[in-house]
Amino acid sequence: MRNYLRITQQELAQRSHITQSHLAQIESGKIDPKIGTLQRIFDGLSCDLVIEPLPRRPLSEVLRGRARSIALKRLKHAMGTMALEDQAPEKVAFKRLLEKRTDDILNDSRERLWHKKDE
């Protein structure tokens, strides 16, 4: 952007209220600037800086995946006991049970999905 606007590093540094050497280090990737510094640089380029989270997957999928992993862990624990008693459900029934437990976890607002102990 700086080159497109034909602004030298020195001119942009002055407009941004930072040193030219600091700007050069930022542009070369030698330092990681703070957000405030980036705002001043973009302001110097007559631009707004927008920082917006961009989920890698829909948040509903992230949430369901986390609830499902907790449900699976709990079921495996219970299944270990049931398998010893030769009462383990078949695969289809297990899958239905897993989805029901996942839904139960999602519908219970008291469930803590990100506790360290659940990982």
PDB file of N, CA and C in Angstrom:
ATOM      1  N   MET A   1       0.837  -1.198   0.000  1.00  0.00           N
ATOM      2  CA  MET A   1       0.000   0.000   0.000  1.00  0.00           C
ATOM      3  C   MET A   1       0.871   1.248   0.000  1.00  0.00           C
ATOM      4  N   ARG A   2       1.939   1.174   0.810  1.00  0.00           N
ATOM      5  CA  ARG A   2       2.818   2.341   0.891  1.00  0.00           C
ATOM      6  C   ARG A   2       3.412   2.647  -0.480  1.00  0.00           C
ATOM      7  N   ASN A   3       3.902   1.603  -1.139  1.00  0.00           N
ATOM      8  CA  ASN A   3       4.501   1.814  -2.463  1.00  0.00           C
ATOM      9  C   ASN A   3       3.463   2.277  -3.479  1.00  0.00           C
ATOM     10  N   TYR A   4       2.274   1.699  -3.428  1.00  0.00           N
ATOM     11  CA  TYR A   4       1.217   2.093  -4.354  1.00  0.00           C
ATOM     12  C   TYR A   4       0.881   3.572  -4.183  1.00  0.00           C
ATOM     13  N   LEU A   5       0.848   4.039  -2.927  1.00  0.00           N
ATOM     14  CA  LEU A   5       0.536   5.444  -2.659  1.00  0.00           C
ATOM     15  C   LEU A   5       1.741   6.368  -2.847  1.00  0.00           C
ATOM     16  N   ARG A   6       2.881   5.767  -3.187  1.00  0.00           N
ATOM     17  CA  ARG A   6       4.125   6.515  -3.432  1.00  0.00           C
ATOM     18  C   ARG A   6       4.558   7.312  -2.210  1.00  0.00           C
ATOM     19  N   ILE A   7       4.461   6.650  -1.060  1.00  0.00           N
ATOM     20  CA  ILE A   7       4.908   7.265   0.184  1.00  0.00           C
ATOM     21  C   ILE A   7       6.198   6.560   0.596  1.00  0.00           C
ATOM     22  N   THR A   8       7.220   7.313   0.866  1.00  0.00           N
ATOM     23  CA  THR A   8       8.475   6.711   1.320  1.00  0.00           C
ATOM     24  C   THR A   8       8.314   6.255   2.766  1.00  0.00           C
ATOM     25  N   GLN A   9       9.241   5.411   3.206  1.00  0.00           N
ATOM     26  CA  GLN A   9       9.218   4.981   4.603  1.00  0.00           C
ATOM     27  C   GLN A   9       9.321   6.194   5.526  1.00  0.00           C
ATOM     28  N   GLN A  10      10.175   7.108   5.183  1.00  0.00           N
ATOM     29  CA  GLN A  10      10.361   8.294   6.025  1.00  0.00           C
ATOM     30  C   GLN A  10       9.072   9.124   6.106  1.00  0.00           C
ATOM     31  N   GLU A  11       8.408   9.306   4.974  1.00  0.00           N
ATOM     32  CA  GLU A  11       7.161  10.076   4.972  1.00  0.00           C
ATOM     33  C   GLU A  11       6.076   9.374   5.789  1.00  0.00           C
ATOM     34  N   LEU A  12       5.958   8.050   5.615  1.00  0.00           N
ATOM     35  CA  LEU A  12       4.948   7.315   6.363  1.00  0.00           C
ATOM     36  C   LEU A  12       5.281   7.300   7.854  1.00  0.00           C
ATOM     37  N   ALA A  13       6.532   7.157   8.166  1.00  0.00           N
ATOM     38  CA  ALA A  13       6.941   7.172   9.571  1.00  0.00           C
ATOM     39  C   ALA A  13       6.545   8.496  10.215  1.00  0.00           C
ATOM     40  N   GLN A  14       6.778   9.582   9.526  1.00  0.00           N
ATOM     41  CA  GLN A  14       6.410  10.903  10.058  1.00  0.00           C
ATOM     42  C   GLN A  14       4.894  11.006  10.220  1.00  0.00           C
ATOM     43  N   ARG A  15       4.157  10.563   9.215  1.00  0.00           N
ATOM     44  CA  ARG A  15       2.696  10.624   9.275  1.00  0.00           C
ATOM     45  C   ARG A  15       2.145   9.727  10.383  1.00  0.00           C
ATOM     46  N   SER A  16       2.888   8.647  10.710  1.00  0.00           N
ATOM     47  CA  SER A  16       2.454   7.669  11.704  1.00  0.00           C
ATOM     48  C   SER A  16       2.999   7.945  13.104  1.00  0.00           C
ATOM     49  N   HIS A  17       3.869   8.927  13.208  1.00  0.00           N
ATOM     50  CA  HIS A  17       4.495   9.287  14.494  1.00  0.00           C
ATOM     51  C   HIS A  17       5.311   8.138  15.074  1.00  0.00           C
ATOM     52  N   ILE A  18       6.069   7.470  14.178  1.00  0.00           N
ATOM     53  CA  ILE A  18       7.036   6.466  14.604  1.00  0.00           C
ATOM     54  C   ILE A  18       8.339   6.750  13.864  1.00  0.00           C
ATOM     55  N   THR A  19       9.415   6.059  14.246  1.00  0.00           N
ATOM     56  CA  THR A  19      10.683   6.282  13.555  1.00  0.00           C
ATOM     57  C   THR A  19      10.712   5.486  12.252  1.00  0.00           C
ATOM     58  N   GLN A  20      11.520   5.954  11.327  1.00  0.00           N
ATOM     59  CA  GLN A  20      11.670   5.257  10.046  1.00  0.00           C
ATOM     60  C   GLN A  20      12.283   3.879  10.267  1.00  0.00           C
ATOM     61  N   SER A  21      13.213   3.752  11.211  1.00  0.00           N
ATOM     62  CA  SER A  21      13.842   2.448  11.460  1.00  0.00           C
ATOM     63  C   SER A  21      12.816   1.456  12.036  1.00  0.00           C
ATOM     64  N   HIS A  22      11.909   1.954  12.884  1.00  0.00           N
ATOM     65  CA  HIS A  22      10.856   1.095  13.424  1.00  0.00           C
ATOM     66  C   HIS A  22       9.958   0.606  12.290  1.00  0.00           C
ATOM     67  N   LEU A  23       9.567   1.496  11.401  1.00  0.00           N
ATOM     68  CA  LEU A  23       8.745   1.130  10.256  1.00  0.00           C
ATOM     69  C   LEU A  23       9.466   0.113   9.373  1.00  0.00           C
ATOM     70  N   ALA A  24      10.750   0.317   9.154  1.00  0.00           N
ATOM     71  CA  ALA A  24      11.528  -0.610   8.327  1.00  0.00           C
ATOM     72  C   ALA A  24      11.555  -2.001   8.967  1.00  0.00           C
ATOM     73  N   GLN A  25      11.695  -2.060  10.290  1.00  0.00           N
ATOM     74  CA  GLN A  25      11.708  -3.352  10.975  1.00  0.00           C
ATOM     75  C   GLN A  25      10.342  -4.042  10.875  1.00  0.00           C
ATOM     76  N   ILE A  26       9.282  -3.257  10.949  1.00  0.00           N
ATOM     77  CA  ILE A  26       7.930  -3.822  10.802  1.00  0.00           C
ATOM     78  C   ILE A  26       7.746  -4.366   9.393  1.00  0.00           C
ATOM     79  N   GLU A  27       8.107  -3.567   8.397  1.00  0.00           N
ATOM     80  CA  GLU A  27       7.932  -3.991   7.006  1.00  0.00           C
ATOM     81  C   GLU A  27       8.778  -5.212   6.660  1.00  0.00           C
ATOM     82  N   SER A  28       9.922  -5.358   7.288  1.00  0.00           N
ATOM     83  CA  SER A  28      10.794  -6.502   6.991  1.00  0.00           C
ATOM     84  C   SER A  28      10.435  -7.733   7.820  1.00  0.00           C
ATOM     85  N   GLY A  29       9.497  -7.570   8.744  1.00  0.00           N
ATOM     86  CA  GLY A  29       9.077  -8.693   9.566  1.00  0.00           C
ATOM     87  C   GLY A  29       9.991  -8.990  10.739  1.00  0.00           C
ATOM     88  N   LYS A  30      10.895  -8.076  11.043  1.00  0.00           N
ATOM     89  CA  LYS A  30      11.829  -8.296  12.147  1.00  0.00           C
ATOM     90  C   LYS A  30      11.186  -8.080  13.509  1.00  0.00           C
ATOM     91  N   ILE A  31      10.144  -7.265  13.547  1.00  0.00           N
ATOM     92  CA  ILE A  31       9.424  -7.072  14.803  1.00  0.00           C
ATOM     93  C   ILE A  31       7.930  -7.202  14.554  1.00  0.00           C
ATOM     94  N   ASP A  32       7.224  -7.538  15.617  1.00  0.00           N
ATOM     95  CA  ASP A  32       5.777  -7.714  15.566  1.00  0.00           C
ATOM     96  C   ASP A  32       5.154  -6.480  16.219  1.00  0.00           C
ATOM     97  N   PRO A  33       4.535  -5.610  15.437  1.00  0.00           N
ATOM     98  CA  PRO A  33       4.030  -4.356  15.999  1.00  0.00           C
ATOM     99  C   PRO A  33       2.792  -4.550  16.867  1.00  0.00           C
ATOM    100  N   LYS A  34       2.598  -3.625  17.782  1.00  0.00           N
ATOM    101  CA  LYS A  34       1.378  -3.604  18.581  1.00  0.00           C
ATOM    102  C   LYS A  34       0.236  -3.071  17.710  1.00  0.00           C
ATOM    103  N   ILE A  35      -0.981  -3.354  18.143  1.00  0.00           N
ATOM    104  CA  ILE A  35      -2.159  -2.929  17.381  1.00  0.00           C
ATOM    105  C   ILE A  35      -2.191  -1.407  17.257  1.00  0.00           C
ATOM    106  N   GLY A  36      -1.851  -0.704  18.329  1.00  0.00           N
ATOM    107  CA  GLY A  36      -1.850   0.759  18.284  1.00  0.00           C
ATOM    108  C   GLY A  36      -0.895   1.297  17.235  1.00  0.00           C
ATOM    109  N   THR A  37       0.252   0.654  17.100  1.00  0.00           N
ATOM    110  CA  THR A  37       1.221   1.063  16.079  1.00  0.00           C
ATOM    111  C   THR A  37       0.665   0.820  14.686  1.00  0.00           C
ATOM    112  N   LEU A  38       0.033  -0.331  14.498  1.00  0.00           N
ATOM    113  CA  LEU A  38      -0.582  -0.612  13.194  1.00  0.00           C
ATOM    114  C   LEU A  38      -1.670   0.398  12.871  1.00  0.00           C
ATOM    115  N   GLN A  39      -2.453   0.781  13.865  1.00  0.00           N
ATOM    116  CA  GLN A  39      -3.496   1.783  13.635  1.00  0.00           C
ATOM    117  C   GLN A  39      -2.887   3.098  13.173  1.00  0.00           C
ATOM    118  N   ARG A  40      -1.793   3.506  13.800  1.00  0.00           N
ATOM    119  CA  ARG A  40      -1.153   4.768  13.388  1.00  0.00           C
ATOM    120  C   ARG A  40      -0.584   4.664  11.974  1.00  0.00           C
ATOM    121  N   ILE A  41      -0.002   3.504  11.644  1.00  0.00           N
ATOM    122  CA  ILE A  41       0.556   3.321  10.296  1.00  0.00           C
ATOM    123  C   ILE A  41      -0.560   3.376   9.256  1.00  0.00           C
ATOM    124  N   PHE A  42      -1.639   2.640   9.490  1.00  0.00           N
ATOM    125  CA  PHE A  42      -2.738   2.647   8.523  1.00  0.00           C
ATOM    126  C   PHE A  42      -3.417   4.003   8.458  1.00  0.00           C
ATOM    127  N   ASP A  43      -3.481   4.686   9.584  1.00  0.00           N
ATOM    128  CA  ASP A  43      -4.010   6.054   9.562  1.00  0.00           C
ATOM    129  C   ASP A  43      -3.131   6.927   8.676  1.00  0.00           C
ATOM    130  N   GLY A  44      -1.817   6.717   8.763  1.00  0.00           N
ATOM    131  CA  GLY A  44      -0.882   7.441   7.901  1.00  0.00           C
ATOM    132  C   GLY A  44      -1.068   7.118   6.435  1.00  0.00           C
ATOM    133  N   LEU A  45      -1.659   5.963   6.152  1.00  0.00           N
ATOM    134  CA  LEU A  45      -1.951   5.560   4.774  1.00  0.00           C
ATOM    135  C   LEU A  45      -3.388   5.899   4.371  1.00  0.00           C
ATOM    136  N   SER A  46      -4.075   6.679   5.210  1.00  0.00           N
ATOM    137  CA  SER A  46      -5.481   7.043   4.986  1.00  0.00           C
ATOM    138  C   SER A  46      -6.381   5.809   4.913  1.00  0.00           C
ATOM    139  N   CYS A  47      -6.097   4.838   5.782  1.00  0.00           N
ATOM    140  CA  CYS A  47      -6.865   3.597   5.844  1.00  0.00           C
ATOM    141  C   CYS A  47      -7.313   3.348   7.282  1.00  0.00           C
ATOM    142  N   ASP A  48      -8.394   2.591   7.405  1.00  0.00           N
ATOM    143  CA  ASP A  48      -8.820   2.104   8.713  1.00  0.00           C
ATOM    144  C   ASP A  48      -8.271   0.697   8.889  1.00  0.00           C
ATOM    145  N   LEU A  49      -7.920   0.361  10.113  1.00  0.00           N
ATOM    146  CA  LEU A  49      -7.492  -0.990  10.440  1.00  0.00           C
ATOM    147  C   LEU A  49      -8.676  -1.707  11.061  1.00  0.00           C
ATOM    148  N   VAL A  50      -9.041  -2.842  10.498  1.00  0.00           N
ATOM    149  CA  VAL A  50     -10.155  -3.629  11.010  1.00  0.00           C
ATOM    150  C   VAL A  50      -9.607  -4.976  11.456  1.00  0.00           C
ATOM    151  N   ILE A  51      -9.845  -5.300  12.703  1.00  0.00           N
ATOM    152  CA  ILE A  51      -9.455  -6.605  13.223  1.00  0.00           C
ATOM    153  C   ILE A  51     -10.737  -7.360  13.522  1.00  0.00           C
ATOM    154  N   GLU A  52     -10.892  -8.475  12.849  1.00  0.00           N
ATOM    155  CA  GLU A  52     -12.131  -9.230  12.968  1.00  0.00           C
ATOM    156  C   GLU A  52     -11.797 -10.716  13.053  1.00  0.00           C
ATOM    157  N   PRO A  53     -12.323 -11.399  14.067  1.00  0.00           N
ATOM    158  CA  PRO A  53     -12.074 -12.844  14.120  1.00  0.00           C
ATOM    159  C   PRO A  53     -12.760 -13.537  12.951  1.00  0.00           C
ATOM    160  N   LEU A  54     -12.084 -14.498  12.372  1.00  0.00           N
ATOM    161  CA  LEU A  54     -12.628 -15.244  11.250  1.00  0.00           C
ATOM    162  C   LEU A  54     -12.549 -16.727  11.610  1.00  0.00           C
ATOM    163  N   PRO A  55     -13.647 -17.302  12.068  1.00  0.00           N
ATOM    164  CA  PRO A  55     -13.622 -18.706  12.478  1.00  0.00           C
ATOM    165  C   PRO A  55     -13.169 -19.618  11.343  1.00  0.00           C
ATOM    166  N   ARG A  56     -12.348 -20.594  11.686  1.00  0.00           N
ATOM    167  CA  ARG A  56     -11.882 -21.565  10.690  1.00  0.00           C
ATOM    168  C   ARG A  56     -12.999 -22.499  10.257  1.00  0.00           C
ATOM    169  N   ARG A  57     -13.931 -22.742  11.193  1.00  0.00           N
ATOM    170  CA  ARG A  57     -15.122 -23.557  10.936  1.00  0.00           C
ATOM    171  C   ARG A  57     -16.279 -22.840  11.613  1.00  0.00           C
ATOM    172  N   PRO A  58     -17.509 -23.144  11.215  1.00  0.00           N
ATOM    173  CA  PRO A  58     -18.639 -22.532  11.926  1.00  0.00           C
ATOM    174  C   PRO A  58     -18.547 -22.828  13.424  1.00  0.00           C
ATOM    175  N   LEU A  59     -18.823 -21.822  14.244  1.00  0.00           N
ATOM    176  CA  LEU A  59     -18.703 -21.985  15.688  1.00  0.00           C
ATOM    177  C   LEU A  59     -19.614 -23.087  16.214  1.00  0.00           C
ATOM    178  N   SER A  60     -20.744 -23.299  15.567  1.00  0.00           N
ATOM    179  CA  SER A  60     -21.635 -24.381  15.990  1.00  0.00           C
ATOM    180  C   SER A  60     -20.957 -25.741  15.839  1.00  0.00           C
ATOM    181  N   GLU A  61     -20.119 -25.893  14.797  1.00  0.00           N
ATOM    182  CA  GLU A  61     -19.373 -27.139  14.608  1.00  0.00           C
ATOM    183  C   GLU A  61     -18.300 -27.302  15.679  1.00  0.00           C
ATOM    184  N   VAL A  62     -17.634 -26.209  16.018  1.00  0.00           N
ATOM    185  CA  VAL A  62     -16.606 -26.252  17.060  1.00  0.00           C
ATOM    186  C   VAL A  62     -17.245 -26.668  18.385  1.00  0.00           C
ATOM    187  N   LEU A  63     -18.371 -26.046  18.698  1.00  0.00           N
ATOM    188  CA  LEU A  63     -19.074 -26.336  19.942  1.00  0.00           C
ATOM    189  C   LEU A  63     -19.554 -27.792  19.980  1.00  0.00           C
ATOM    190  N   ARG A  64     -20.163 -28.252  18.900  1.00  0.00           N
ATOM    191  CA  ARG A  64     -20.653 -29.629  18.868  1.00  0.00           C
ATOM    192  C   ARG A  64     -19.500 -30.622  18.943  1.00  0.00           C
ATOM    193  N   GLY A  65     -18.417 -30.336  18.252  1.00  0.00           N
ATOM    194  CA  GLY A  65     -17.257 -31.224  18.292  1.00  0.00           C
ATOM    195  C   GLY A  65     -16.692 -31.355  19.692  1.00  0.00           C
ATOM    196  N   ARG A  66     -16.647 -30.232  20.407  1.00  0.00           N
ATOM    197  CA  ARG A  66     -16.142 -30.265  21.782  1.00  0.00           C
ATOM    198  C   ARG A  66     -17.088 -31.057  22.678  1.00  0.00           C
ATOM    199  N   ALA A  67     -18.381 -30.814  22.554  1.00  0.00           N
ATOM    200  CA  ALA A  67     -19.361 -31.548  23.359  1.00  0.00           C
ATOM    201  C   ALA A  67     -19.308 -33.041  23.025  1.00  0.00           C
ATOM    202  N   ARG A  68     -19.121 -33.353  21.757  1.00  0.00           N
ATOM    203  CA  ARG A  68     -19.065 -34.755  21.337  1.00  0.00           C
ATOM    204  C   ARG A  68     -17.839 -35.448  21.915  1.00  0.00           C
ATOM    205  N   SER A  69     -16.706 -34.767  21.952  1.00  0.00           N
ATOM    206  CA  SER A  69     -15.500 -35.394  22.505  1.00  0.00           C
ATOM    207  C   SER A  69     -15.662 -35.660  24.002  1.00  0.00           C
ATOM    208  N   ILE A  70     -16.351 -34.758  24.705  1.00  0.00           N
ATOM    209  CA  ILE A  70     -16.615 -34.977  26.127  1.00  0.00           C
ATOM    210  C   ILE A  70     -17.572 -36.152  26.309  1.00  0.00           C
ATOM    211  N   ALA A  71     -18.624 -36.183  25.491  1.00  0.00           N
ATOM    212  CA  ALA A  71     -19.590 -37.284  25.572  1.00  0.00           C
ATOM    213  C   ALA A  71     -18.895 -38.615  25.271  1.00  0.00           C
ATOM    214  N   LEU A  72     -18.028 -38.633  24.281  1.00  0.00           N
ATOM    215  CA  LEU A  72     -17.318 -39.861  23.914  1.00  0.00           C
ATOM    216  C   LEU A  72     -16.417 -40.329  25.054  1.00  0.00           C
ATOM    217  N   LYS A  73     -15.720 -39.399  25.658  1.00  0.00           N
ATOM    218  CA  LYS A  73     -14.843 -39.745  26.778  1.00  0.00           C
ATOM    219  C   LYS A  73     -15.654 -40.349  27.926  1.00  0.00           C
ATOM    220  N   ARG A  74     -16.777 -39.738  28.231  1.00  0.00           N
ATOM    221  CA  ARG A  74     -17.631 -40.242  29.312  1.00  0.00           C
ATOM    222  C   ARG A  74     -18.208 -41.619  28.966  1.00  0.00           C
ATOM    223  N   LEU A  75     -18.645 -41.767  27.709  1.00  0.00           N
ATOM    224  CA  LEU A  75     -19.204 -43.057  27.297  1.00  0.00           C
ATOM    225  C   LEU A  75     -18.154 -44.160  27.300  1.00  0.00           C
ATOM    226  N   LYS A  76     -16.949 -43.839  26.844  1.00  0.00           N
ATOM    227  CA  LYS A  76     -15.875 -44.839  26.843  1.00  0.00           C
ATOM    228  C   LYS A  76     -15.603 -45.316  28.265  1.00  0.00           C
ATOM    229  N   HIS A  77     -15.627 -44.369  29.191  1.00  0.00           N
ATOM    230  CA  HIS A  77     -15.406 -44.741  30.582  1.00  0.00           C
ATOM    231  C   HIS A  77     -16.508 -45.692  31.043  1.00  0.00           C
ATOM    232  N   ALA A  78     -17.759 -45.341  30.738  1.00  0.00           N
ATOM    233  CA  ALA A  78     -18.888 -46.186  31.121  1.00  0.00           C
ATOM    234  C   ALA A  78     -18.861 -47.505  30.356  1.00  0.00           C
ATOM    235  N   MET A  79     -18.450 -47.447  29.084  1.00  0.00           N
ATOM    236  CA  MET A  79     -18.419 -48.650  28.250  1.00  0.00           C
ATOM    237  C   MET A  79     -17.374 -49.638  28.755  1.00  0.00           C
ATOM    238  N   GLY A  80     -16.297 -49.130  29.295  1.00  0.00           N
ATOM    239  CA  GLY A  80     -15.278 -50.023  29.844  1.00  0.00           C
ATOM    240  C   GLY A  80     -15.871 -50.891  30.925  1.00  0.00           C
ATOM    241  N   THR A  81     -16.658 -50.292  31.759  1.00  0.00           N
ATOM    242  CA  THR A  81     -17.324 -51.036  32.826  1.00  0.00           C
ATOM    243  C   THR A  81     -18.355 -51.987  32.237  1.00  0.00           C
ATOM    244  N   MET A  82     -19.125 -51.505  31.251  1.00  0.00           N
ATOM    245  CA  MET A  82     -20.164 -52.342  30.644  1.00  0.00           C
ATOM    246  C   MET A  82     -19.558 -53.508  29.869  1.00  0.00           C
ATOM    247  N   ALA A  83     -18.419 -53.265  29.212  1.00  0.00           N
ATOM    248  CA  ALA A  83     -17.780 -54.325  28.433  1.00  0.00           C
ATOM    249  C   ALA A  83     -17.324 -55.444  29.354  1.00  0.00           C
ATOM    250  N   LEU A  84     -16.858 -55.085  30.536  1.00  0.00           N
ATOM    251  CA  LEU A  84     -16.457 -56.094  31.500  1.00  0.00           C
ATOM    252  C   LEU A  84     -17.647 -56.962  31.893  1.00  0.00           C
ATOM    253  N   GLU A  85     -18.822 -56.364  31.891  1.00  0.00           N
ATOM    254  CA  GLU A  85     -20.035 -57.094  32.245  1.00  0.00           C
ATOM    255  C   GLU A  85     -20.713 -57.679  31.012  1.00  0.00           C
ATOM    256  N   ASP A  86     -20.060 -57.543  29.845  1.00  0.00           N
ATOM    257  CA  ASP A  86     -20.579 -58.052  28.573  1.00  0.00           C
ATOM    258  C   ASP A  86     -21.927 -57.422  28.223  1.00  0.00           C
ATOM    259  N   GLN A  87     -22.046 -56.100  28.471  1.00  0.00           N
ATOM    260  CA  GLN A  87     -23.285 -55.386  28.169  1.00  0.00           C
ATOM    261  C   GLN A  87     -23.058 -54.252  27.172  1.00  0.00           C
ATOM    262  N   ALA A  88     -21.947 -54.226  26.467  1.00  0.00           N
ATOM    263  CA  ALA A  88     -21.630 -53.127  25.549  1.00  0.00           C
ATOM    264  C   ALA A  88     -22.648 -53.089  24.412  1.00  0.00           C
ATOM    265  N   PRO A  89     -23.218 -51.899  24.121  1.00  0.00           N
ATOM    266  CA  PRO A  89     -24.205 -51.800  23.029  1.00  0.00           C
ATOM    267  C   PRO A  89     -23.542 -51.950  21.669  1.00  0.00           C
ATOM    268  N   GLU A  90     -24.318 -52.288  20.684  1.00  0.00           N
ATOM    269  CA  GLU A  90     -23.818 -52.437  19.329  1.00  0.00           C
ATOM    270  C   GLU A  90     -23.444 -51.069  18.758  1.00  0.00           C
ATOM    271  N   LYS A  91     -22.739 -51.062  17.625  1.00  0.00           N
ATOM    272  CA  LYS A  91     -22.218 -49.816  17.052  1.00  0.00           C
ATOM    273  C   LYS A  91     -23.305 -48.785  16.743  1.00  0.00           C
ATOM    274  N   VAL A  92     -24.401 -49.200  16.139  1.00  0.00           N
ATOM    275  CA  VAL A  92     -25.479 -48.274  15.783  1.00  0.00           C
ATOM    276  C   VAL A  92     -26.091 -47.673  17.041  1.00  0.00           C
ATOM    277  N   ALA A  93     -26.326 -48.517  18.008  1.00  0.00           N
ATOM    278  CA  ALA A  93     -26.903 -48.037  19.267  1.00  0.00           C
ATOM    279  C   ALA A  93     -25.922 -47.109  19.972  1.00  0.00           C
ATOM    280  N   PHE A  94     -24.643 -47.455  19.900  1.00  0.00           N
ATOM    281  CA  PHE A  94     -23.625 -46.609  20.528  1.00  0.00           C
ATOM    282  C   PHE A  94     -23.596 -45.227  19.874  1.00  0.00           C
ATOM    283  N   LYS A  95     -23.684 -45.200  18.556  1.00  0.00           N
ATOM    284  CA  LYS A  95     -23.664 -43.920  17.833  1.00  0.00           C
ATOM    285  C   LYS A  95     -24.872 -43.058  18.232  1.00  0.00           C
ATOM    286  N   ARG A  96     -26.047 -43.674  18.332  1.00  0.00           N
ATOM    287  CA  ARG A  96     -27.247 -42.942  18.763  1.00  0.00           C
ATOM    288  C   ARG A  96     -27.068 -42.412  20.184  1.00  0.00           C
ATOM    289  N   LEU A  97     -26.524 -43.252  21.041  1.00  0.00           N
ATOM    290  CA  LEU A  97     -26.292 -42.858  22.424  1.00  0.00           C
ATOM    291  C   LEU A  97     -25.293 -41.706  22.498  1.00  0.00           C
ATOM    292  N   LEU A  98     -24.246 -41.774  21.673  1.00  0.00           N
ATOM    293  CA  LEU A  98     -23.249 -40.702  21.637  1.00  0.00           C
ATOM    294  C   LEU A  98     -23.885 -39.384  21.214  1.00  0.00           C
ATOM    295  N   GLU A  99     -24.722 -39.413  20.184  1.00  0.00           N
ATOM    296  CA  GLU A  99     -25.372 -38.191  19.723  1.00  0.00           C
ATOM    297  C   GLU A  99     -26.336 -37.651  20.771  1.00  0.00           C
ATOM    298  N   LYS A 100     -27.045 -38.546  21.470  1.00  0.00           N
ATOM    299  CA  LYS A 100     -27.950 -38.102  22.529  1.00  0.00           C
ATOM    300  C   LYS A 100     -27.160 -37.459  23.665  1.00  0.00           C
ATOM    301  N   ARG A 101     -26.071 -38.067  24.060  1.00  0.00           N
ATOM    302  CA  ARG A 101     -25.248 -37.496  25.132  1.00  0.00           C
ATOM    303  C   ARG A 101     -24.638 -36.157  24.694  1.00  0.00           C
ATOM    304  N   THR A 102     -24.260 -36.069  23.440  1.00  0.00           N
ATOM    305  CA  THR A 102     -23.738 -34.803  22.905  1.00  0.00           C
ATOM    306  C   THR A 102     -24.809 -33.721  22.997  1.00  0.00           C
ATOM    307  N   ASP A 103     -26.030 -34.049  22.569  1.00  0.00           N
ATOM    308  CA  ASP A 103     -27.145 -33.096  22.661  1.00  0.00           C
ATOM    309  C   ASP A 103     -27.422 -32.708  24.110  1.00  0.00           C
ATOM    310  N   ASP A 104     -27.373 -33.692  25.014  1.00  0.00           N
ATOM    311  CA  ASP A 104     -27.594 -33.401  26.431  1.00  0.00           C
ATOM    312  C   ASP A 104     -26.566 -32.397  26.957  1.00  0.00           C
ATOM    313  N   ILE A 105     -25.321 -32.594  26.580  1.00  0.00           N
ATOM    314  CA  ILE A 105     -24.249 -31.680  27.019  1.00  0.00           C
ATOM    315  C   ILE A 105     -24.490 -30.287  26.450  1.00  0.00           C
ATOM    316  N   LEU A 106     -24.843 -30.217  25.176  1.00  0.00           N
ATOM    317  CA  LEU A 106     -25.084 -28.912  24.536  1.00  0.00           C
ATOM    318  C   LEU A 106     -26.286 -28.190  25.143  1.00  0.00           C
ATOM    319  N   ASN A 107     -27.286 -28.932  25.553  1.00  0.00           N
ATOM    320  CA  ASN A 107     -28.502 -28.321  26.096  1.00  0.00           C
ATOM    321  C   ASN A 107     -28.406 -27.971  27.576  1.00  0.00           C
ATOM    322  N   ASP A 108     -27.348 -28.397  28.230  1.00  0.00           N
ATOM    323  CA  ASP A 108     -27.160 -28.105  29.654  1.00  0.00           C
ATOM    324  C   ASP A 108     -26.207 -26.926  29.794  1.00  0.00           C
ATOM    325  N   SER A 109     -26.744 -25.754  30.088  1.00  0.00           N
ATOM    326  CA  SER A 109     -25.922 -24.540  30.164  1.00  0.00           C
ATOM    327  C   SER A 109     -24.901 -24.593  31.304  1.00  0.00           C
ATOM    328  N   ARG A 110     -25.062 -25.547  32.216  1.00  0.00           N
ATOM    329  CA  ARG A 110     -24.102 -25.671  33.318  1.00  0.00           C
ATOM    330  C   ARG A 110     -22.864 -26.467  32.927  1.00  0.00           C
ATOM    331  N   GLU A 111     -22.935 -27.171  31.805  1.00  0.00           N
ATOM    332  CA  GLU A 111     -21.788 -27.965  31.354  1.00  0.00           C
ATOM    333  C   GLU A 111     -20.614 -27.060  31.005  1.00  0.00           C
ATOM    334  N   ARG A 112     -19.464 -27.376  31.521  1.00  0.00           N
ATOM    335  CA  ARG A 112     -18.232 -26.643  31.224  1.00  0.00           C
ATOM    336  C   ARG A 112     -17.492 -27.408  30.132  1.00  0.00           C
ATOM    337  N   LEU A 113     -17.463 -26.863  28.939  1.00  0.00           N
ATOM    338  CA  LEU A 113     -16.909 -27.590  27.788  1.00  0.00           C
ATOM    339  C   LEU A 113     -15.400 -27.443  27.638  1.00  0.00           C
ATOM    340  N   TRP A 114     -14.820 -26.466  28.287  1.00  0.00           N
ATOM    341  CA  TRP A 114     -13.409 -26.187  28.025  1.00  0.00           C
ATOM    342  C   TRP A 114     -12.543 -26.352  29.266  1.00  0.00           C
ATOM    343  N   HIS A 115     -13.035 -27.097  30.247  1.00  0.00           N
ATOM    344  CA  HIS A 115     -12.230 -27.387  31.437  1.00  0.00           C
ATOM    345  C   HIS A 115     -11.020 -28.220  31.059  1.00  0.00           C
ATOM    346  N   LYS A 116      -9.924 -27.933  31.681  1.00  0.00           N
ATOM    347  CA  LYS A 116      -8.691 -28.662  31.417  1.00  0.00           C
ATOM    348  C   LYS A 116      -8.870 -30.164  31.681  1.00  0.00           C
ATOM    349  N   LYS A 117      -9.625 -30.522  32.729  1.00  0.00           N
ATOM    350  CA  LYS A 117      -9.786 -31.935  33.080  1.00  0.00           C
ATOM    351  C   LYS A 117     -10.490 -32.735  31.984  1.00  0.00           C
ATOM    352  N   ASP A 118     -11.234 -32.062  31.104  1.00  0.00           N
ATOM    353  CA  ASP A 118     -11.976 -32.741  30.042  1.00  0.00           C
ATOM    354  C   ASP A 118     -11.146 -32.985  28.795  1.00  0.00           C
ATOM    355  N   GLU A 119      -9.940 -32.466  28.771  1.00  0.00           N
ATOM    356  CA  GLU A 119      -9.108 -32.598  27.564  1.00  0.00           C
ATOM    357  C   GLU A 119      -8.359 -33.897  27.535  1.00  0.00           C
TER     358      GLU A 119
END
